[in-house]
N, C-alpha and C. Protein backbone atom coordinates (compact mmCIF):
# COMPACT_ATOMS: atom_id res chain seq x y z
N UNK A 1 26.69 -5.10 27.15
CA UNK A 1 26.59 -4.19 28.30
C UNK A 1 25.11 -4.01 28.65
N UNK A 2 24.76 -4.25 29.91
CA UNK A 2 23.37 -4.14 30.33
C UNK A 2 22.97 -2.67 30.47
N UNK A 3 21.66 -2.41 30.30
CA UNK A 3 21.16 -1.05 30.38
C UNK A 3 20.96 -0.65 31.84
N UNK A 4 21.13 0.64 32.09
CA UNK A 4 20.86 1.16 33.42
C UNK A 4 19.36 1.31 33.61
N UNK A 5 18.93 1.46 34.86
CA UNK A 5 17.49 1.61 35.10
C UNK A 5 16.95 2.86 34.44
N UNK A 6 17.80 3.91 34.36
CA UNK A 6 17.36 5.16 33.72
C UNK A 6 17.14 4.95 32.23
N UNK A 7 18.05 4.22 31.58
CA UNK A 7 17.90 3.94 30.14
C UNK A 7 16.64 3.10 29.89
N UNK A 8 16.40 2.12 30.76
CA UNK A 8 15.20 1.29 30.62
C UNK A 8 13.95 2.14 30.78
N UNK A 9 13.95 3.04 31.76
CA UNK A 9 12.79 3.90 32.01
C UNK A 9 12.54 4.83 30.83
N UNK A 10 13.62 5.41 30.30
CA UNK A 10 13.48 6.33 29.15
C UNK A 10 12.94 5.58 27.94
N UNK A 11 13.45 4.38 27.71
CA UNK A 11 12.99 3.58 26.57
C UNK A 11 11.52 3.22 26.72
N UNK A 12 11.11 2.83 27.93
CA UNK A 12 9.71 2.49 28.17
C UNK A 12 8.81 3.70 27.96
N UNK A 13 9.27 4.87 28.42
CA UNK A 13 8.51 6.11 28.24
C UNK A 13 8.38 6.46 26.77
N UNK A 14 9.47 6.27 26.03
CA UNK A 14 9.45 6.55 24.58
C UNK A 14 8.46 5.63 23.86
N UNK A 15 8.48 4.34 24.21
CA UNK A 15 7.57 3.39 23.58
C UNK A 15 6.12 3.72 23.90
N UNK A 16 5.87 4.12 25.13
CA UNK A 16 4.50 4.49 25.52
C UNK A 16 4.04 5.72 24.76
N UNK A 17 4.93 6.69 24.62
CA UNK A 17 4.59 7.91 23.88
C UNK A 17 4.27 7.59 22.43
N UNK A 18 5.06 6.69 21.84
CA UNK A 18 4.81 6.29 20.46
C UNK A 18 3.46 5.60 20.33
N UNK A 19 3.13 4.71 21.28
CA UNK A 19 1.84 4.02 21.23
C UNK A 19 0.68 4.99 21.36
N UNK A 20 0.83 5.97 22.25
CA UNK A 20 -0.23 6.96 22.44
C UNK A 20 -0.41 7.80 21.18
N UNK A 21 0.72 8.17 20.55
CA UNK A 21 0.65 8.97 19.32
C UNK A 21 0.00 8.17 18.20
N UNK A 22 0.33 6.88 18.13
CA UNK A 22 -0.25 6.01 17.11
C UNK A 22 -1.76 5.89 17.30
N UNK A 23 -2.19 5.71 18.55
CA UNK A 23 -3.63 5.62 18.81
C UNK A 23 -4.34 6.91 18.42
N UNK A 24 -3.70 8.05 18.69
CA UNK A 24 -4.29 9.34 18.32
C UNK A 24 -4.37 9.47 16.80
N UNK A 25 -3.33 9.03 16.09
CA UNK A 25 -3.34 9.06 14.63
C UNK A 25 -4.48 8.22 14.07
N UNK A 26 -4.63 7.02 14.60
CA UNK A 26 -5.66 6.11 14.11
C UNK A 26 -7.06 6.68 14.38
N UNK A 27 -7.24 7.31 15.53
CA UNK A 27 -8.52 7.94 15.83
C UNK A 27 -8.85 9.03 14.81
N UNK A 28 -7.84 9.82 14.43
CA UNK A 28 -8.05 10.86 13.41
C UNK A 28 -8.38 10.25 12.06
N UNK A 29 -7.66 9.19 11.69
CA UNK A 29 -7.90 8.55 10.40
C UNK A 29 -9.27 7.88 10.34
N UNK A 30 -9.73 7.33 11.44
CA UNK A 30 -11.04 6.70 11.45
C UNK A 30 -12.15 7.71 11.19
N UNK A 31 -11.92 8.95 11.56
CA UNK A 31 -12.89 10.00 11.28
C UNK A 31 -12.98 10.29 9.78
N UNK A 32 -11.92 9.98 9.05
CA UNK A 32 -11.93 10.19 7.59
C UNK A 32 -12.85 9.21 6.88
N UNK A 33 -13.07 8.06 7.48
CA UNK A 33 -13.97 7.07 6.88
C UNK A 33 -13.24 6.01 6.07
N UNK A 34 -13.93 4.88 5.92
CA UNK A 34 -13.35 3.72 5.24
C UNK A 34 -12.91 4.04 3.82
N UNK A 35 -13.77 4.68 3.04
CA UNK A 35 -13.48 4.91 1.61
C UNK A 35 -12.26 5.80 1.43
N UNK A 36 -12.18 6.86 2.20
CA UNK A 36 -11.05 7.79 2.08
C UNK A 36 -9.74 7.13 2.46
N UNK A 37 -9.75 6.35 3.53
CA UNK A 37 -8.55 5.62 3.93
C UNK A 37 -8.13 4.64 2.84
N UNK A 38 -9.11 3.94 2.28
CA UNK A 38 -8.85 2.94 1.23
C UNK A 38 -8.19 3.58 0.01
N UNK A 39 -8.77 4.66 -0.49
CA UNK A 39 -8.23 5.31 -1.69
C UNK A 39 -6.90 6.01 -1.40
N UNK A 40 -6.75 6.57 -0.22
CA UNK A 40 -5.49 7.22 0.14
C UNK A 40 -4.35 6.21 0.15
N UNK A 41 -4.64 5.00 0.61
CA UNK A 41 -3.61 3.95 0.63
C UNK A 41 -3.20 3.59 -0.80
N UNK A 42 -4.17 3.49 -1.70
CA UNK A 42 -3.84 3.23 -3.11
C UNK A 42 -2.92 4.31 -3.66
N UNK A 43 -3.22 5.56 -3.33
CA UNK A 43 -2.42 6.68 -3.83
C UNK A 43 -0.99 6.62 -3.29
N UNK A 44 -0.86 6.38 -2.00
CA UNK A 44 0.47 6.37 -1.37
C UNK A 44 1.37 5.32 -2.01
N UNK A 45 0.87 4.10 -2.18
CA UNK A 45 1.69 3.02 -2.73
C UNK A 45 1.97 3.28 -4.21
N UNK A 46 1.01 3.84 -4.94
CA UNK A 46 1.23 4.16 -6.35
C UNK A 46 2.24 5.29 -6.51
N UNK A 47 2.11 6.31 -5.69
CA UNK A 47 2.94 7.52 -5.82
C UNK A 47 4.42 7.19 -5.65
N UNK A 48 4.71 6.26 -4.77
CA UNK A 48 6.11 5.93 -4.49
C UNK A 48 6.59 4.68 -5.23
N UNK A 49 5.84 4.27 -6.26
CA UNK A 49 6.29 3.20 -7.13
C UNK A 49 7.03 3.80 -8.33
N UNK A 50 8.21 3.30 -8.66
CA UNK A 50 8.94 3.84 -9.81
C UNK A 50 8.28 3.50 -11.14
N UNK A 51 7.31 2.57 -11.11
CA UNK A 51 6.65 2.17 -12.35
C UNK A 51 5.39 2.98 -12.64
N UNK A 52 5.06 3.91 -11.78
CA UNK A 52 3.91 4.80 -12.00
C UNK A 52 4.45 6.20 -12.27
N UNK A 53 4.17 6.73 -13.44
CA UNK A 53 4.75 8.03 -13.80
C UNK A 53 4.00 9.18 -13.15
N UNK A 54 2.68 9.05 -12.98
CA UNK A 54 1.92 10.12 -12.35
C UNK A 54 0.54 9.62 -11.95
N UNK A 55 -0.07 10.35 -11.04
CA UNK A 55 -1.47 10.12 -10.68
C UNK A 55 -2.20 11.40 -11.04
N UNK A 56 -3.10 11.32 -11.99
CA UNK A 56 -3.77 12.53 -12.47
C UNK A 56 -4.87 13.01 -11.53
N UNK A 57 -5.49 12.07 -10.80
CA UNK A 57 -6.53 12.49 -9.87
C UNK A 57 -6.92 11.36 -8.93
N UNK A 58 -7.50 11.74 -7.80
CA UNK A 58 -8.13 10.80 -6.87
C UNK A 58 -9.39 11.48 -6.35
N UNK A 59 -10.45 10.72 -6.26
CA UNK A 59 -11.69 11.30 -5.73
C UNK A 59 -12.47 10.27 -4.93
N UNK A 60 -13.25 10.77 -4.00
CA UNK A 60 -14.14 9.92 -3.21
C UNK A 60 -15.53 10.53 -3.22
N UNK A 61 -16.53 9.67 -3.26
CA UNK A 61 -17.91 10.11 -3.28
C UNK A 61 -18.76 9.11 -2.53
N UNK A 62 -19.62 9.59 -1.66
CA UNK A 62 -20.49 8.69 -0.89
C UNK A 62 -21.41 7.88 -1.79
N UNK A 63 -21.74 8.44 -2.95
CA UNK A 63 -22.67 7.74 -3.84
C UNK A 63 -21.97 6.87 -4.88
N UNK A 64 -20.81 7.35 -5.38
CA UNK A 64 -20.13 6.65 -6.48
C UNK A 64 -18.88 5.87 -6.05
N UNK A 65 -18.49 5.98 -4.80
CA UNK A 65 -17.27 5.30 -4.36
C UNK A 65 -16.04 6.14 -4.62
N UNK A 66 -14.91 5.49 -4.81
CA UNK A 66 -13.67 6.23 -5.03
C UNK A 66 -12.94 5.76 -6.27
N UNK A 67 -12.01 6.59 -6.74
CA UNK A 67 -11.24 6.24 -7.94
C UNK A 67 -9.89 6.93 -7.91
N UNK A 68 -8.87 6.18 -8.30
CA UNK A 68 -7.52 6.73 -8.48
C UNK A 68 -7.15 6.54 -9.94
N UNK A 69 -6.80 7.63 -10.62
CA UNK A 69 -6.40 7.57 -12.03
C UNK A 69 -4.89 7.72 -12.10
N UNK A 70 -4.21 6.64 -12.51
CA UNK A 70 -2.75 6.64 -12.55
C UNK A 70 -2.26 6.31 -13.95
N UNK A 71 -1.10 6.84 -14.31
CA UNK A 71 -0.46 6.55 -15.59
C UNK A 71 0.79 5.73 -15.35
N UNK A 72 0.95 4.66 -16.11
CA UNK A 72 2.12 3.81 -15.96
C UNK A 72 3.32 4.42 -16.68
N UNK A 73 4.47 4.33 -16.03
CA UNK A 73 5.72 4.79 -16.66
C UNK A 73 6.02 3.89 -17.85
N UNK A 74 5.92 2.61 -17.65
CA UNK A 74 5.96 1.62 -18.72
C UNK A 74 5.49 0.30 -18.11
N UNK A 75 5.04 -0.59 -18.99
CA UNK A 75 4.48 -1.85 -18.53
C UNK A 75 5.38 -2.99 -18.98
N UNK A 76 5.93 -3.73 -18.03
CA UNK A 76 6.76 -4.88 -18.33
C UNK A 76 6.70 -5.81 -17.13
N UNK A 77 7.17 -7.05 -17.24
CA UNK A 77 7.01 -8.02 -16.15
C UNK A 77 7.42 -7.56 -14.76
N UNK A 78 8.53 -6.83 -14.55
CA UNK A 78 8.86 -6.42 -13.18
C UNK A 78 7.77 -5.56 -12.54
N UNK A 79 6.99 -4.88 -13.39
CA UNK A 79 5.92 -4.02 -12.87
C UNK A 79 4.85 -4.84 -12.16
N UNK A 80 4.72 -6.13 -12.49
CA UNK A 80 3.69 -6.95 -11.87
C UNK A 80 3.80 -6.95 -10.35
N UNK A 81 5.02 -6.96 -9.82
CA UNK A 81 5.18 -6.93 -8.37
C UNK A 81 4.56 -5.66 -7.79
N UNK A 82 4.81 -4.53 -8.43
CA UNK A 82 4.29 -3.27 -7.91
C UNK A 82 2.78 -3.16 -8.09
N UNK A 83 2.26 -3.60 -9.23
CA UNK A 83 0.82 -3.49 -9.45
C UNK A 83 0.08 -4.42 -8.49
N UNK A 84 0.68 -5.57 -8.18
CA UNK A 84 0.09 -6.46 -7.18
C UNK A 84 -0.02 -5.74 -5.83
N UNK A 85 1.04 -5.06 -5.46
CA UNK A 85 1.05 -4.32 -4.20
C UNK A 85 0.06 -3.15 -4.22
N UNK A 86 -0.01 -2.46 -5.36
CA UNK A 86 -0.94 -1.34 -5.49
C UNK A 86 -2.39 -1.84 -5.38
N UNK A 87 -2.69 -2.98 -6.00
CA UNK A 87 -4.04 -3.55 -5.92
C UNK A 87 -4.45 -3.83 -4.48
N UNK A 88 -3.49 -4.26 -3.65
CA UNK A 88 -3.79 -4.66 -2.27
C UNK A 88 -3.56 -3.53 -1.26
N UNK A 89 -3.19 -2.35 -1.77
CA UNK A 89 -2.90 -1.23 -0.87
C UNK A 89 -4.13 -0.78 -0.09
N UNK A 90 -5.28 -0.75 -0.74
CA UNK A 90 -6.50 -0.32 -0.05
C UNK A 90 -6.81 -1.20 1.15
N UNK A 91 -6.65 -2.52 0.96
CA UNK A 91 -6.87 -3.46 2.06
C UNK A 91 -5.85 -3.24 3.16
N UNK A 92 -4.59 -3.01 2.77
CA UNK A 92 -3.54 -2.74 3.77
C UNK A 92 -3.85 -1.47 4.56
N UNK A 93 -4.38 -0.47 3.89
CA UNK A 93 -4.75 0.77 4.57
C UNK A 93 -5.88 0.55 5.56
N UNK A 94 -6.90 -0.20 5.12
CA UNK A 94 -8.03 -0.50 6.01
C UNK A 94 -7.57 -1.23 7.27
N UNK A 95 -6.75 -2.26 7.08
CA UNK A 95 -6.29 -3.04 8.22
C UNK A 95 -5.39 -2.23 9.15
N UNK A 96 -4.63 -1.29 8.60
CA UNK A 96 -3.76 -0.46 9.41
C UNK A 96 -4.55 0.50 10.30
N UNK A 97 -5.74 0.86 9.85
CA UNK A 97 -6.54 1.85 10.57
C UNK A 97 -7.71 1.22 11.33
N UNK A 98 -8.42 0.31 10.67
CA UNK A 98 -9.65 -0.23 11.25
C UNK A 98 -9.50 -1.66 11.80
N UNK A 99 -8.33 -2.25 11.59
CA UNK A 99 -8.05 -3.63 12.05
C UNK A 99 -8.91 -4.68 11.36
N UNK A 100 -9.56 -4.31 10.27
CA UNK A 100 -10.37 -5.26 9.50
C UNK A 100 -10.54 -4.69 8.10
N UNK A 101 -11.03 -5.50 7.18
CA UNK A 101 -11.35 -4.98 5.84
C UNK A 101 -12.59 -5.70 5.33
N UNK A 102 -13.22 -5.08 4.34
CA UNK A 102 -14.46 -5.60 3.79
C UNK A 102 -14.18 -6.26 2.44
N UNK A 103 -14.17 -7.60 2.37
CA UNK A 103 -13.85 -8.29 1.10
C UNK A 103 -14.83 -7.95 -0.02
N UNK A 104 -16.10 -7.72 0.32
CA UNK A 104 -17.09 -7.41 -0.72
C UNK A 104 -16.80 -6.06 -1.37
N UNK A 105 -16.47 -5.06 -0.55
CA UNK A 105 -16.18 -3.73 -1.10
C UNK A 105 -14.83 -3.70 -1.81
N UNK A 106 -13.96 -4.64 -1.47
CA UNK A 106 -12.63 -4.70 -2.10
C UNK A 106 -12.58 -5.78 -3.17
N UNK A 107 -13.72 -6.22 -3.65
CA UNK A 107 -13.77 -7.36 -4.58
C UNK A 107 -12.96 -7.10 -5.85
N UNK A 108 -13.10 -5.92 -6.43
CA UNK A 108 -12.37 -5.61 -7.67
C UNK A 108 -10.87 -5.64 -7.43
N UNK A 109 -10.43 -5.09 -6.31
CA UNK A 109 -8.99 -5.10 -5.98
C UNK A 109 -8.49 -6.53 -5.82
N UNK A 110 -9.27 -7.36 -5.12
CA UNK A 110 -8.86 -8.74 -4.86
C UNK A 110 -8.78 -9.55 -6.15
N UNK A 111 -9.74 -9.36 -7.04
CA UNK A 111 -9.74 -10.10 -8.30
C UNK A 111 -8.58 -9.67 -9.19
N UNK A 112 -8.29 -8.37 -9.20
CA UNK A 112 -7.15 -7.88 -9.97
C UNK A 112 -5.84 -8.42 -9.40
N UNK A 113 -5.71 -8.40 -8.06
CA UNK A 113 -4.50 -8.93 -7.42
C UNK A 113 -4.36 -10.42 -7.69
N UNK A 114 -5.47 -11.13 -7.66
CA UNK A 114 -5.44 -12.58 -7.93
C UNK A 114 -4.94 -12.84 -9.35
N UNK A 115 -5.40 -12.05 -10.30
CA UNK A 115 -4.98 -12.21 -11.69
C UNK A 115 -3.47 -11.97 -11.84
N UNK A 116 -2.97 -10.91 -11.18
CA UNK A 116 -1.54 -10.62 -11.25
C UNK A 116 -0.74 -11.73 -10.58
N UNK A 117 -1.19 -12.18 -9.42
CA UNK A 117 -0.47 -13.25 -8.71
C UNK A 117 -0.45 -14.54 -9.53
N UNK A 118 -1.55 -14.84 -10.21
CA UNK A 118 -1.61 -16.02 -11.08
C UNK A 118 -0.62 -15.88 -12.22
N UNK A 119 -0.52 -14.66 -12.76
CA UNK A 119 0.41 -14.41 -13.86
C UNK A 119 1.84 -14.62 -13.40
N UNK A 120 2.15 -14.13 -12.22
CA UNK A 120 3.48 -14.33 -11.66
C UNK A 120 3.75 -15.82 -11.43
N UNK A 121 2.75 -16.54 -10.93
CA UNK A 121 2.92 -17.96 -10.66
C UNK A 121 3.14 -18.73 -11.96
N UNK A 122 2.40 -18.39 -13.01
CA UNK A 122 2.54 -19.09 -14.29
C UNK A 122 3.89 -18.82 -14.93
N UNK A 123 4.50 -17.69 -14.59
CA UNK A 123 5.85 -17.40 -15.08
C UNK A 123 6.90 -18.05 -14.19
N UNK A 124 6.41 -18.83 -13.21
CA UNK A 124 7.30 -19.54 -12.28
C UNK A 124 8.20 -18.58 -11.51
N UNK A 125 7.61 -17.43 -11.15
CA UNK A 125 8.36 -16.44 -10.38
C UNK A 125 8.46 -16.93 -8.93
N UNK A 126 9.66 -16.92 -8.40
CA UNK A 126 9.86 -17.33 -7.02
C UNK A 126 9.57 -16.15 -6.09
N UNK A 127 8.82 -16.39 -5.00
CA UNK A 127 8.52 -15.30 -4.06
C UNK A 127 9.78 -14.61 -3.55
N UNK A 128 10.90 -15.34 -3.50
CA UNK A 128 12.13 -14.75 -3.00
C UNK A 128 12.62 -13.60 -3.86
N UNK A 129 12.14 -13.51 -5.11
CA UNK A 129 12.57 -12.41 -5.97
C UNK A 129 12.02 -11.08 -5.49
N UNK A 130 11.04 -11.11 -4.61
CA UNK A 130 10.49 -9.87 -4.05
C UNK A 130 11.21 -9.45 -2.79
N UNK A 131 12.25 -10.17 -2.41
CA UNK A 131 12.91 -9.87 -1.16
C UNK A 131 13.76 -8.61 -1.20
N UNK A 132 13.76 -7.93 -2.38
CA UNK A 132 14.34 -6.60 -2.41
C UNK A 132 13.54 -5.68 -1.50
N UNK A 133 12.27 -6.03 -1.32
CA UNK A 133 11.42 -5.29 -0.40
C UNK A 133 11.78 -5.67 1.02
N UNK A 134 11.76 -4.70 1.91
CA UNK A 134 12.09 -4.93 3.31
C UNK A 134 10.81 -5.04 4.12
N UNK A 135 10.70 -6.09 4.92
CA UNK A 135 9.49 -6.31 5.70
C UNK A 135 9.79 -6.27 7.19
N UNK A 136 8.86 -5.72 7.93
CA UNK A 136 8.95 -5.79 9.39
C UNK A 136 8.50 -7.17 9.84
N UNK A 137 9.18 -7.72 10.80
CA UNK A 137 8.80 -9.04 11.29
C UNK A 137 7.50 -8.96 12.07
N UNK A 138 6.71 -10.01 11.99
CA UNK A 138 5.48 -10.08 12.77
C UNK A 138 4.32 -9.30 12.18
N UNK A 139 4.44 -8.87 10.92
CA UNK A 139 3.35 -8.10 10.31
C UNK A 139 2.13 -9.00 10.11
N UNK A 140 0.93 -8.55 10.55
CA UNK A 140 -0.27 -9.36 10.34
C UNK A 140 -0.63 -9.42 8.87
N UNK A 141 -1.13 -10.56 8.44
CA UNK A 141 -1.48 -10.76 7.03
C UNK A 141 -2.89 -11.34 6.94
N UNK A 142 -3.75 -10.78 6.09
CA UNK A 142 -5.08 -11.35 5.95
C UNK A 142 -5.01 -12.75 5.35
N UNK A 143 -5.97 -13.58 5.70
CA UNK A 143 -6.04 -14.94 5.16
C UNK A 143 -6.78 -14.90 3.83
N UNK A 144 -6.03 -14.72 2.74
CA UNK A 144 -6.66 -14.60 1.43
C UNK A 144 -7.36 -15.89 1.02
N UNK A 145 -6.96 -17.02 1.57
CA UNK A 145 -7.60 -18.29 1.23
C UNK A 145 -9.07 -18.29 1.63
N UNK A 146 -9.44 -17.50 2.65
CA UNK A 146 -10.82 -17.45 3.12
C UNK A 146 -11.67 -16.47 2.31
N UNK A 147 -11.03 -15.67 1.47
CA UNK A 147 -11.75 -14.64 0.74
C UNK A 147 -12.44 -15.20 -0.50
N UNK A 148 -11.80 -16.16 -1.16
CA UNK A 148 -12.31 -16.68 -2.42
C UNK A 148 -13.12 -17.96 -2.19
N UNK A 149 -14.16 -18.12 -2.96
CA UNK A 149 -15.02 -19.30 -2.81
C UNK A 149 -14.30 -20.57 -3.24
N UNK A 150 -13.55 -20.46 -4.33
CA UNK A 150 -12.83 -21.63 -4.83
C UNK A 150 -11.42 -21.66 -4.25
N UNK A 151 -10.89 -22.85 -4.08
CA UNK A 151 -9.54 -23.01 -3.56
C UNK A 151 -8.52 -22.51 -4.58
N UNK A 152 -7.59 -21.70 -4.12
CA UNK A 152 -6.55 -21.14 -4.99
C UNK A 152 -5.21 -21.80 -4.67
N UNK A 153 -4.31 -21.88 -5.66
CA UNK A 153 -2.99 -22.48 -5.41
C UNK A 153 -2.26 -21.77 -4.27
N UNK A 154 -1.60 -22.55 -3.45
CA UNK A 154 -0.88 -22.01 -2.30
C UNK A 154 0.16 -20.98 -2.74
N UNK A 155 0.85 -21.25 -3.89
CA UNK A 155 1.87 -20.32 -4.38
C UNK A 155 1.26 -18.97 -4.74
N UNK A 156 0.05 -19.00 -5.31
CA UNK A 156 -0.63 -17.75 -5.68
C UNK A 156 -0.95 -16.93 -4.44
N UNK A 157 -1.47 -17.59 -3.42
CA UNK A 157 -1.82 -16.89 -2.18
C UNK A 157 -0.58 -16.33 -1.49
N UNK A 158 0.54 -17.06 -1.60
CA UNK A 158 1.79 -16.57 -1.01
C UNK A 158 2.26 -15.30 -1.71
N UNK A 159 2.12 -15.27 -3.03
CA UNK A 159 2.50 -14.08 -3.78
C UNK A 159 1.61 -12.90 -3.40
N UNK A 160 0.32 -13.15 -3.18
CA UNK A 160 -0.58 -12.08 -2.75
C UNK A 160 -0.19 -11.54 -1.38
N UNK A 161 0.24 -12.43 -0.50
CA UNK A 161 0.67 -12.00 0.83
C UNK A 161 1.90 -11.09 0.74
N UNK A 162 2.82 -11.43 -0.17
CA UNK A 162 4.01 -10.60 -0.35
C UNK A 162 3.63 -9.22 -0.87
N UNK A 163 2.70 -9.18 -1.84
CA UNK A 163 2.22 -7.90 -2.35
C UNK A 163 1.57 -7.07 -1.25
N UNK A 164 0.78 -7.73 -0.41
CA UNK A 164 0.14 -7.04 0.71
C UNK A 164 1.19 -6.52 1.69
N UNK A 165 2.17 -7.34 2.02
CA UNK A 165 3.22 -6.92 2.95
C UNK A 165 3.90 -5.64 2.48
N UNK A 166 4.24 -5.62 1.18
CA UNK A 166 4.93 -4.44 0.66
C UNK A 166 4.05 -3.20 0.76
N UNK A 167 2.77 -3.33 0.41
CA UNK A 167 1.86 -2.19 0.51
C UNK A 167 1.82 -1.67 1.94
N UNK A 168 1.74 -2.58 2.89
CA UNK A 168 1.68 -2.20 4.29
C UNK A 168 2.97 -1.47 4.72
N UNK A 169 4.10 -1.96 4.24
CA UNK A 169 5.38 -1.33 4.58
C UNK A 169 5.46 0.10 4.06
N UNK A 170 5.00 0.30 2.83
CA UNK A 170 5.03 1.65 2.25
C UNK A 170 4.14 2.58 3.06
N UNK A 171 2.95 2.12 3.42
CA UNK A 171 2.01 2.94 4.20
C UNK A 171 2.62 3.31 5.55
N UNK A 172 3.25 2.35 6.22
CA UNK A 172 3.86 2.63 7.52
C UNK A 172 5.05 3.58 7.39
N UNK A 173 5.86 3.38 6.33
CA UNK A 173 7.01 4.25 6.12
C UNK A 173 6.59 5.69 5.80
N UNK A 174 5.45 5.83 5.12
CA UNK A 174 4.96 7.15 4.71
C UNK A 174 3.78 7.59 5.57
N UNK A 175 3.72 7.11 6.79
CA UNK A 175 2.56 7.33 7.65
C UNK A 175 2.13 8.80 7.78
N UNK A 176 3.04 9.76 8.06
CA UNK A 176 2.61 11.16 8.16
C UNK A 176 1.98 11.68 6.86
N UNK A 177 2.55 11.27 5.72
CA UNK A 177 1.98 11.68 4.43
C UNK A 177 0.62 11.01 4.19
N UNK A 178 0.52 9.76 4.58
CA UNK A 178 -0.74 9.03 4.47
C UNK A 178 -1.83 9.74 5.27
N UNK A 179 -1.52 10.18 6.47
CA UNK A 179 -2.49 10.89 7.29
C UNK A 179 -2.89 12.22 6.67
N UNK A 180 -1.89 12.96 6.22
CA UNK A 180 -2.19 14.27 5.63
C UNK A 180 -3.05 14.12 4.37
N UNK A 181 -2.71 13.12 3.55
CA UNK A 181 -3.47 12.89 2.32
C UNK A 181 -4.92 12.53 2.64
N UNK A 182 -5.13 11.63 3.59
CA UNK A 182 -6.48 11.21 3.95
C UNK A 182 -7.31 12.39 4.46
N UNK A 183 -6.70 13.25 5.27
CA UNK A 183 -7.45 14.38 5.81
C UNK A 183 -7.75 15.42 4.73
N UNK A 184 -6.80 15.63 3.82
CA UNK A 184 -7.05 16.55 2.70
C UNK A 184 -8.16 16.01 1.80
N UNK A 185 -8.13 14.71 1.53
CA UNK A 185 -9.14 14.10 0.67
C UNK A 185 -10.50 14.13 1.34
N UNK A 186 -10.55 14.00 2.64
CA UNK A 186 -11.80 14.10 3.39
C UNK A 186 -12.42 15.47 3.21
N UNK A 187 -11.58 16.50 3.29
CA UNK A 187 -12.08 17.88 3.19
C UNK A 187 -12.47 18.26 1.77
N UNK A 188 -11.69 17.79 0.78
CA UNK A 188 -11.86 18.31 -0.59
C UNK A 188 -12.52 17.33 -1.55
N UNK A 189 -12.54 16.06 -1.22
CA UNK A 189 -13.19 15.00 -2.01
C UNK A 189 -12.47 14.67 -3.32
N UNK A 190 -11.83 15.66 -3.94
CA UNK A 190 -11.10 15.43 -5.19
C UNK A 190 -9.76 16.15 -5.14
N UNK A 191 -8.70 15.43 -5.53
CA UNK A 191 -7.37 16.02 -5.59
C UNK A 191 -6.76 15.72 -6.95
N UNK A 192 -6.13 16.72 -7.56
CA UNK A 192 -5.47 16.49 -8.84
C UNK A 192 -3.97 16.29 -8.63
N UNK A 193 -3.25 16.16 -9.73
CA UNK A 193 -1.81 15.87 -9.65
C UNK A 193 -1.04 16.96 -8.91
N UNK A 194 -1.39 18.23 -9.15
CA UNK A 194 -0.71 19.33 -8.48
C UNK A 194 -0.97 19.29 -6.97
N UNK A 195 -2.21 18.98 -6.60
CA UNK A 195 -2.55 18.87 -5.18
C UNK A 195 -1.73 17.76 -4.52
N UNK A 196 -1.64 16.63 -5.21
CA UNK A 196 -0.92 15.49 -4.66
C UNK A 196 0.56 15.79 -4.49
N UNK A 197 1.13 16.52 -5.45
CA UNK A 197 2.56 16.83 -5.35
C UNK A 197 2.83 17.78 -4.19
N UNK A 198 1.90 18.68 -3.92
CA UNK A 198 2.05 19.58 -2.77
C UNK A 198 2.00 18.80 -1.46
N UNK A 199 1.19 17.77 -1.43
CA UNK A 199 1.03 16.97 -0.20
C UNK A 199 2.16 15.95 -0.05
N UNK A 200 2.49 15.26 -1.14
CA UNK A 200 3.38 14.11 -1.07
C UNK A 200 4.80 14.38 -1.54
N UNK A 201 5.02 15.54 -2.17
CA UNK A 201 6.33 15.82 -2.73
C UNK A 201 6.42 15.26 -4.14
N UNK A 202 7.57 15.39 -4.75
CA UNK A 202 7.76 14.92 -6.13
C UNK A 202 7.63 13.40 -6.18
N UNK A 203 6.97 12.88 -7.21
CA UNK A 203 6.83 11.42 -7.32
C UNK A 203 8.16 10.74 -7.63
N UNK A 204 8.22 9.46 -7.33
CA UNK A 204 9.41 8.67 -7.64
C UNK A 204 9.44 8.41 -9.15
N UNK A 205 10.47 8.86 -9.80
CA UNK A 205 10.56 8.70 -11.26
C UNK A 205 11.80 7.88 -11.59
N UNK A 206 11.61 6.85 -12.40
CA UNK A 206 12.74 6.02 -12.81
C UNK A 206 13.50 6.71 -13.94
N UNK A 207 14.81 6.77 -13.84
CA UNK A 207 15.59 7.44 -14.86
C UNK A 207 15.58 6.64 -16.17
N UNK A 208 15.84 7.32 -17.25
CA UNK A 208 15.73 6.72 -18.58
C UNK A 208 16.70 5.54 -18.76
N UNK A 209 17.89 5.63 -18.19
CA UNK A 209 18.86 4.53 -18.32
C UNK A 209 18.30 3.25 -17.71
N UNK A 210 17.64 3.38 -16.56
CA UNK A 210 17.05 2.21 -15.91
C UNK A 210 15.90 1.66 -16.74
N UNK A 211 15.10 2.58 -17.30
CA UNK A 211 13.99 2.16 -18.15
C UNK A 211 14.48 1.35 -19.33
N UNK A 212 15.52 1.85 -20.01
CA UNK A 212 16.07 1.16 -21.18
C UNK A 212 16.65 -0.19 -20.79
N UNK A 213 17.31 -0.24 -19.65
CA UNK A 213 17.92 -1.50 -19.20
C UNK A 213 16.85 -2.55 -18.93
N UNK A 214 15.81 -2.17 -18.21
CA UNK A 214 14.74 -3.13 -17.89
C UNK A 214 14.01 -3.57 -19.14
N UNK A 215 13.73 -2.62 -20.03
CA UNK A 215 13.05 -2.98 -21.29
C UNK A 215 13.87 -3.96 -22.12
N UNK A 216 15.19 -3.79 -22.07
CA UNK A 216 16.05 -4.65 -22.89
C UNK A 216 16.04 -6.10 -22.41
N UNK A 217 15.58 -6.31 -21.17
CA UNK A 217 15.56 -7.65 -20.59
C UNK A 217 14.30 -8.42 -20.99
N UNK A 218 13.32 -7.73 -21.61
CA UNK A 218 12.04 -8.40 -21.92
C UNK A 218 11.64 -8.15 -23.36
């Protein structure tokens, strides 16, 4: 059934309103600065990972940079997918707000993500195993092949792209919380676990039965 002109007009108006709101959001986030956006993205993706039990603190400093202190619920092979995504979350946050990222400032994140992706590749993990994650079509992806001086295996780079995609999806899904967190961190510079729970709500916690089941597989 074709749409009426009124339905088409309403839909176009809705889309325009969404675009205007998005531009306003991005303008506010850009005022928070690169470092705050970067660390806030790490927090958002970590907070909603079932493999992270808590984040004890996050801080940003113009002189010392930023840091997120997180505790793992438990460490086992399935966690590699989430840690890969967490490593690349800062880059995903930068690209979502500034449309670019700084490879030099994200060097530690990139090297850690590369190590995880290599580990997944050596275990012969198929990228399709990450398809439990839902991706929006047409999502832009950084060219990780251009970041490293030495040529990396195509499979490794593909795994990094999947980790990046997931980080970006979490940030977009939690966009209002991402904005609130970035603005709070801009004002206060340091947030502890209680502060984060007030902003983000209760963290995602994996139940003990699931923990035992996954542990029994490895």
